[in-house]
Amino acid sequence: MLQRIEIEDTAALIARLTPAPAAGQDAAAAAAAITRAAGSSFGPGMRALPAPRRRGMWALYAFSRVIDDIADEPMPAETRRQLLAAWRAEIEALYAGDPASAIGQALLPAVRDYALPQAEFLMLIEGMEMDAEGPIVAPTMSELRGYTRRVAGAVGLISMRIFGAWRGALSARFALALADALQLTNILRDVAEDTMRGRLYLPAEMLARHNIAPDPATVLQAPALPDLLGEIGQLARAEFDAARAAIPGHPRVPLVPALMMMGVYEATLNAAQNRGFRPEPRVSLSKGAKLRAALTAILDPAAHRPAAG
């Protein structure tokens, strides 16, 4: 009986992650439901957007959530490849004006109205393929930067257009710097959780410099790990500062969702620093601390770095 349940659960998982025909679903409602169910910290920022742009962000988040689940959920590598290939085909269909899935249909108005670049959706899939092909363990710094460009930078570049904040090269600098800052903060925050999946996103060069074996099974016991995570924190801090320098020249209101994320993640970085970058337990901010950090970033993004709470 247990084996049968596991088979059925796997089949249900694959069905959920396949870009199947929408079959009469309300596409926007389906995308919004995925976003709400995930409980993402992106949610509050989305409420600041006008309804059409908010629906575009829900659709982008739903797409990102599904392909991220393909990379993360337990299933054979060949199944992951097939699912991600199916989503590549769905993106092709989306840009031909004929997507089949509810998520693809939810994305269609945003692609049409905000000139979203197809290449960035494909870049995001490429990033998930890097995770899906096997756990990433001790990439070189160059490989890590390539990974963050795909899994975070692509979302940032698409989001700026949906927000209505896109101002060309200046916006690209802001989006890519902020994306790197968020992803690096995720890496140092989630290092213990990632090792449980056999993953280790810490760069090989840093591990060697700190004399830490590139082994997810032992890295948490390394005495020098907090020092290494502190270096990751410095890299993230530099990216936050680069993003902050690119804020002038952008209209403030459309940038509100990005500023909220910036505030919350920078507060998370502060909290990790305040406790000496110990990898466990995972850094977590209270709702009140998140709200304070988000409001600080909205009202005065050039102010001192938000204090952790």
Protein backbone atom coordinates (compact mmCIF):
# COMPACT_ATOMS: atom_id res chain seq x y z
CA MET A 1 0.00 0.00 0.00
CA LEU A 2 2.82 2.40 0.89
CA GLN A 3 4.51 1.78 -2.45
CA ARG A 4 1.27 2.44 -4.32
CA ILE A 5 0.71 5.71 -2.45
CA GLU A 6 4.26 6.81 -3.28
CA ILE A 7 3.68 6.03 -6.97
CA GLU A 8 0.43 7.95 -6.95
CA ASP A 9 2.06 10.89 -5.18
CA THR A 10 4.87 10.96 -7.74
CA ALA A 11 2.35 10.89 -10.57
CA ALA A 12 0.44 13.76 -8.95
CA LEU A 13 3.66 15.73 -8.53
CA ILE A 14 4.61 15.29 -12.18
CA ALA A 15 1.10 16.27 -13.26
CA ARG A 16 1.32 19.45 -11.14
CA LEU A 17 4.66 20.41 -12.66
CA THR A 18 3.71 19.70 -16.29
CA PRO A 19 2.52 22.58 -18.51
CA ALA A 20 -0.73 20.76 -19.17
CA PRO A 21 -3.68 22.37 -20.99
CA ALA A 22 -5.51 24.86 -18.79
CA ALA A 23 -8.84 23.04 -19.29
CA GLY A 24 -11.07 25.99 -18.56
CA GLN A 25 -9.13 27.29 -15.55
CA ASP A 26 -9.10 31.00 -14.79
CA ALA A 27 -5.44 31.54 -15.64
CA ALA A 28 -4.87 34.62 -13.47
CA ALA A 29 -6.59 32.99 -10.50
CA ALA A 30 -4.49 29.85 -10.89
CA ALA A 31 -1.26 31.86 -10.88
CA ALA A 32 -2.41 33.89 -7.87
CA ALA A 33 -3.25 30.69 -6.00
CA ILE A 34 0.26 29.31 -6.54
CA THR A 35 1.74 32.57 -5.24
CA ARG A 36 -0.48 32.61 -2.14
CA ALA A 37 0.14 28.94 -1.37
CA ALA A 38 3.91 29.48 -1.44
CA GLY A 39 3.70 32.16 1.24
CA SER A 40 6.50 34.05 -0.50
CA SER A 41 7.93 37.24 0.93
CA PHE A 42 7.34 38.68 -2.56
CA GLY A 43 3.61 38.76 -1.77
CA PRO A 44 3.32 42.03 0.19
CA GLY A 45 5.25 43.94 -2.45
CA MET A 46 2.93 42.72 -5.17
CA ARG A 47 -0.03 44.38 -3.45
CA ALA A 48 1.54 47.77 -4.13
CA LEU A 49 1.17 47.30 -7.90
CA PRO A 50 -1.82 48.18 -10.10
CA ALA A 51 -3.97 45.11 -10.79
CA PRO A 52 -2.68 44.29 -14.31
CA ARG A 53 0.94 44.49 -13.19
CA ARG A 54 0.16 42.55 -10.03
CA ARG A 55 -1.35 39.77 -12.15
CA GLY A 56 1.81 39.81 -14.28
CA MET A 57 3.98 39.33 -11.20
CA TRP A 58 1.75 36.53 -9.91
CA ALA A 59 2.18 34.78 -13.25
CA LEU A 60 5.96 35.27 -13.19
CA TYR A 61 6.15 33.96 -9.64
CA ALA A 62 3.98 30.94 -10.49
CA PHE A 63 6.23 30.09 -13.44
CA SER A 64 9.36 30.48 -11.29
CA ARG A 65 7.83 28.40 -8.48
CA VAL A 66 6.92 25.50 -10.76
CA ILE A 67 10.28 25.22 -12.48
CA ASP A 68 12.08 25.61 -9.13
CA ASP A 69 10.00 22.71 -7.80
CA ILE A 70 11.09 20.64 -10.80
CA ALA A 71 14.70 21.19 -9.74
CA ASP A 72 14.00 20.52 -6.05
CA GLU A 73 11.40 17.77 -5.76
CA PRO A 74 12.53 14.12 -5.65
CA MET A 75 12.22 12.55 -9.08
CA PRO A 76 14.48 10.88 -11.65
CA ALA A 77 16.90 13.15 -13.49
CA GLU A 78 15.38 12.21 -16.84
CA THR A 79 11.95 13.28 -15.61
CA ARG A 80 13.38 16.65 -14.57
CA ARG A 81 14.89 17.07 -18.04
CA GLN A 82 11.61 16.21 -19.73
CA LEU A 83 9.62 18.63 -17.56
CA LEU A 84 12.02 21.50 -18.09
CA ALA A 85 12.05 20.76 -21.83
CA ALA A 86 8.25 20.90 -21.78
CA TRP A 87 8.40 24.34 -20.17
CA ARG A 88 10.90 25.48 -22.80
CA ALA A 89 8.36 24.47 -25.40
CA GLU A 90 5.63 26.28 -23.48
CA ILE A 91 7.70 29.49 -23.49
CA GLU A 92 8.09 29.10 -27.25
CA ALA A 93 4.31 28.70 -27.51
CA LEU A 94 3.80 31.71 -25.23
CA TYR A 95 5.84 33.93 -27.52
CA ALA A 96 3.96 32.54 -30.52
CA GLY A 97 0.78 33.72 -28.79
CA ASP A 98 -0.62 30.26 -28.09
CA PRO A 99 0.36 28.95 -24.63
CA ALA A 100 -1.43 25.83 -23.41
CA SER A 101 -1.00 25.98 -19.63
CA ALA A 102 -2.77 28.21 -17.13
CA ILE A 103 0.57 29.77 -16.17
CA GLY A 104 1.44 30.41 -19.81
CA GLN A 105 -1.96 31.99 -20.39
CA ALA A 106 -1.53 34.11 -17.25
CA LEU A 107 1.83 35.34 -18.57
CA LEU A 108 0.47 36.22 -22.00
CA PRO A 109 -0.90 39.71 -21.18
CA ALA A 110 2.33 40.71 -19.42
CA VAL A 111 4.48 39.45 -22.29
CA ARG A 112 2.32 41.39 -24.72
CA ASP A 113 1.90 44.60 -22.71
CA TYR A 114 5.33 44.98 -21.08
CA ALA A 115 7.68 43.63 -23.77
CA LEU A 116 9.10 40.90 -21.55
CA PRO A 117 12.23 39.36 -23.10
CA GLN A 118 11.90 35.70 -24.04
CA ALA A 119 15.62 35.16 -23.50
CA GLU A 120 15.26 35.83 -19.77
CA PHE A 121 12.61 33.13 -19.34
CA LEU A 122 14.94 30.70 -21.08
CA MET A 123 17.84 31.86 -18.87
CA LEU A 124 15.74 31.06 -15.80
CA ILE A 125 15.08 27.55 -17.11
CA GLU A 126 18.82 27.16 -17.74
CA GLY A 127 19.48 27.97 -14.09
CA MET A 128 17.02 25.32 -12.96
CA GLU A 129 18.68 22.85 -15.31
CA MET A 130 21.95 23.46 -13.47
CA ASP A 131 20.26 22.37 -10.23
CA ALA A 132 18.30 19.58 -11.87
CA GLU A 133 21.31 17.86 -13.44
CA GLY A 134 22.64 16.95 -10.01
CA PRO A 135 23.38 18.79 -6.83
CA ILE A 136 25.65 21.79 -7.27
CA VAL A 137 28.68 21.28 -5.02
CA ALA A 138 31.44 23.86 -4.58
CA PRO A 139 31.14 25.70 -7.91
CA THR A 140 33.88 28.07 -8.94
CA MET A 141 33.08 31.73 -8.32
CA SER A 142 32.56 32.16 -12.07
CA GLU A 143 30.10 29.25 -12.11
CA LEU A 144 28.27 30.62 -9.09
CA ARG A 145 27.92 34.03 -10.72
CA GLY A 146 26.58 32.33 -13.85
CA TYR A 147 24.06 30.47 -11.74
CA THR A 148 22.84 33.55 -9.86
CA ARG A 149 22.55 35.46 -13.15
CA ARG A 150 20.15 32.81 -14.37
CA VAL A 151 18.04 31.97 -11.33
CA ALA A 152 17.87 35.49 -9.86
CA GLY A 153 19.03 37.97 -12.47
CA ALA A 154 16.51 36.81 -15.06
CA VAL A 155 13.64 37.29 -12.62
CA GLY A 156 14.92 40.74 -11.72
CA LEU A 157 15.17 41.91 -15.33
CA ILE A 158 11.66 40.63 -16.12
CA SER A 159 10.22 42.08 -12.91
CA MET A 160 11.50 45.60 -13.55
CA ARG A 161 9.53 45.67 -16.78
CA ILE A 162 6.38 44.36 -15.12
CA PHE A 163 6.73 46.92 -12.31
CA GLY A 164 6.79 49.72 -14.89
CA ALA A 165 10.20 50.79 -13.56
CA TRP A 166 12.35 49.85 -16.57
CA ARG A 167 14.75 52.60 -17.62
CA GLY A 168 17.23 50.67 -19.75
CA ALA A 169 20.84 50.12 -18.70
CA LEU A 170 20.36 51.80 -15.32
CA SER A 171 17.55 49.37 -14.49
CA ALA A 172 19.64 46.42 -15.65
CA ARG A 173 22.41 47.47 -13.23
CA PHE A 174 19.92 47.79 -10.39
CA ALA A 175 18.14 44.51 -11.12
CA LEU A 176 21.27 42.42 -11.55
CA ALA A 177 23.01 43.84 -8.47
CA LEU A 178 19.91 43.34 -6.33
CA ALA A 179 19.41 39.83 -7.70
CA ASP A 180 22.98 38.88 -6.78
CA ALA A 181 22.54 40.40 -3.32
CA LEU A 182 19.34 38.45 -2.67
CA GLN A 183 20.75 35.17 -3.96
CA LEU A 184 24.00 35.48 -1.99
CA THR A 185 21.97 36.23 1.13
CA ASN A 186 19.88 33.13 0.43
CA ILE A 187 23.05 31.05 0.10
CA LEU A 188 24.48 32.07 3.46
CA ARG A 189 21.07 31.83 5.16
CA ASP A 190 20.21 28.40 3.74
CA VAL A 191 23.60 26.67 3.81
CA ALA A 192 22.49 24.09 6.42
CA GLU A 193 19.24 23.35 4.60
CA ASP A 194 21.06 23.01 1.28
CA THR A 195 23.52 20.47 2.67
CA MET A 196 20.57 18.23 3.53
CA ARG A 197 19.83 18.12 -0.22
CA GLY A 198 23.48 17.36 -0.97
CA ARG A 199 24.06 20.88 -2.26
CA LEU A 200 26.87 23.28 -1.46
CA TYR A 201 26.77 26.63 -3.24
CA LEU A 202 29.87 27.99 -1.48
CA PRO A 203 32.62 28.78 -4.02
CA ALA A 204 35.49 26.35 -4.34
CA GLU A 205 38.05 29.13 -4.08
CA MET A 206 36.68 30.28 -0.72
CA LEU A 207 36.48 26.74 0.62
CA ALA A 208 40.11 26.13 -0.33
CA ARG A 209 41.24 29.42 1.20
CA HIS A 210 39.59 28.50 4.49
CA ASN A 211 40.82 24.90 4.32
CA ILE A 212 37.26 23.53 4.28
CA ALA A 213 36.56 20.29 2.44
CA PRO A 214 33.99 20.73 -0.38
CA ASP A 215 31.69 18.14 1.18
CA PRO A 216 28.05 18.90 2.10
CA ALA A 217 28.19 16.11 4.72
CA THR A 218 30.95 17.77 6.75
CA VAL A 219 30.96 21.47 5.92
CA LEU A 220 28.73 22.50 8.84
CA GLN A 221 31.31 21.16 11.30
CA ALA A 222 34.14 23.26 9.84
CA PRO A 223 35.34 25.82 12.43
CA ALA A 224 36.14 28.33 9.68
CA LEU A 225 32.67 28.18 8.10
CA PRO A 226 31.37 31.37 9.81
CA ASP A 227 34.37 33.27 8.46
CA LEU A 228 33.63 32.01 4.95
CA LEU A 229 29.96 32.95 5.29
CA GLY A 230 31.11 36.38 6.42
CA GLU A 231 32.94 36.74 3.12
CA ILE A 232 29.76 35.78 1.27
CA GLY A 233 28.05 38.44 3.35
CA GLN A 234 30.59 41.04 2.23
CA LEU A 235 29.92 40.14 -1.40
CA ALA A 236 26.18 40.48 -0.80
CA ARG A 237 26.72 43.83 0.95
CA ALA A 238 28.66 45.16 -2.04
CA GLU A 239 25.80 44.14 -4.34
CA PHE A 240 23.21 45.82 -2.09
CA ASP A 241 25.31 49.00 -2.22
CA ALA A 242 25.57 48.76 -6.02
CA ALA A 243 21.81 48.36 -6.30
CA ARG A 244 21.25 51.34 -3.97
CA ALA A 245 23.54 53.49 -6.13
CA ALA A 246 21.36 52.73 -9.18
CA ILE A 247 18.07 53.78 -7.54
CA PRO A 248 18.25 57.49 -8.53
CA GLY A 249 16.78 57.98 -11.96
CA HIS A 250 13.98 55.48 -11.32
CA PRO A 251 10.42 56.47 -10.45
CA ARG A 252 9.99 55.56 -6.79
CA VAL A 253 6.44 54.14 -6.77
CA PRO A 254 6.96 51.42 -9.43
CA LEU A 255 10.15 50.42 -7.61
CA VAL A 256 8.34 49.79 -4.29
CA PRO A 257 8.18 45.96 -4.58
CA ALA A 258 11.91 45.76 -5.30
CA LEU A 259 12.74 48.14 -2.47
CA MET A 260 10.68 46.07 -0.05
CA MET A 261 12.60 42.94 -0.98
CA MET A 262 15.85 44.84 -0.69
CA GLY A 263 15.00 46.00 2.81
CA VAL A 264 13.92 42.58 4.07
CA TYR A 265 16.91 40.74 2.65
CA GLU A 266 19.39 43.33 3.85
CA ALA A 267 17.88 43.03 7.32
CA THR A 268 18.33 39.25 7.03
CA LEU A 269 21.99 39.80 6.16
CA ASN A 270 22.33 42.10 9.19
CA ALA A 271 20.78 39.47 11.44
CA ALA A 272 23.21 36.84 10.17
CA GLN A 273 26.13 39.21 10.73
CA ASN A 274 24.94 40.14 14.21
CA ARG A 275 25.17 36.51 15.32
CA GLY A 276 28.54 35.91 13.73
CA PHE A 277 27.30 34.10 10.61
CA ARG A 278 26.64 30.86 12.48
CA PRO A 279 24.96 28.52 9.97
CA GLU A 280 22.41 27.09 12.41
CA PRO A 281 19.67 27.70 13.25
CA ARG A 282 18.47 29.37 10.06
CA VAL A 283 18.16 33.14 10.32
CA SER A 284 14.53 34.21 10.53
CA LEU A 285 13.00 37.67 10.97
CA SER A 286 9.75 38.43 12.73
CA LYS A 287 6.89 39.92 10.72
CA GLY A 288 7.44 43.18 12.53
CA ALA A 289 11.14 43.26 11.65
CA LYS A 290 10.35 42.53 8.01
CA LEU A 291 7.78 45.32 7.92
CA ARG A 292 10.16 47.83 9.49
CA ALA A 293 12.94 46.90 7.08
CA ALA A 294 10.62 47.12 4.07
CA LEU A 295 9.26 50.52 5.09
CA THR A 296 12.77 51.86 5.74
CA ALA A 297 13.85 50.84 2.26
CA ILE A 298 10.77 52.40 0.65
CA LEU A 299 10.95 55.70 2.52
CA ASP A 300 14.69 56.24 2.38
CA PRO A 301 16.68 53.63 0.46
CA ALA A 302 19.80 55.79 0.80
CA ALA A 303 19.60 55.63 4.60
CA HIS A 304 21.90 53.51 6.71
CA ARG A 305 21.57 49.80 6.23
CA PRO A 306 18.45 48.60 8.05
CA ALA A 307 18.99 47.22 11.53
CA ALA A 308 17.99 43.63 12.17
CA GLY A 309 15.08 43.08 14.51
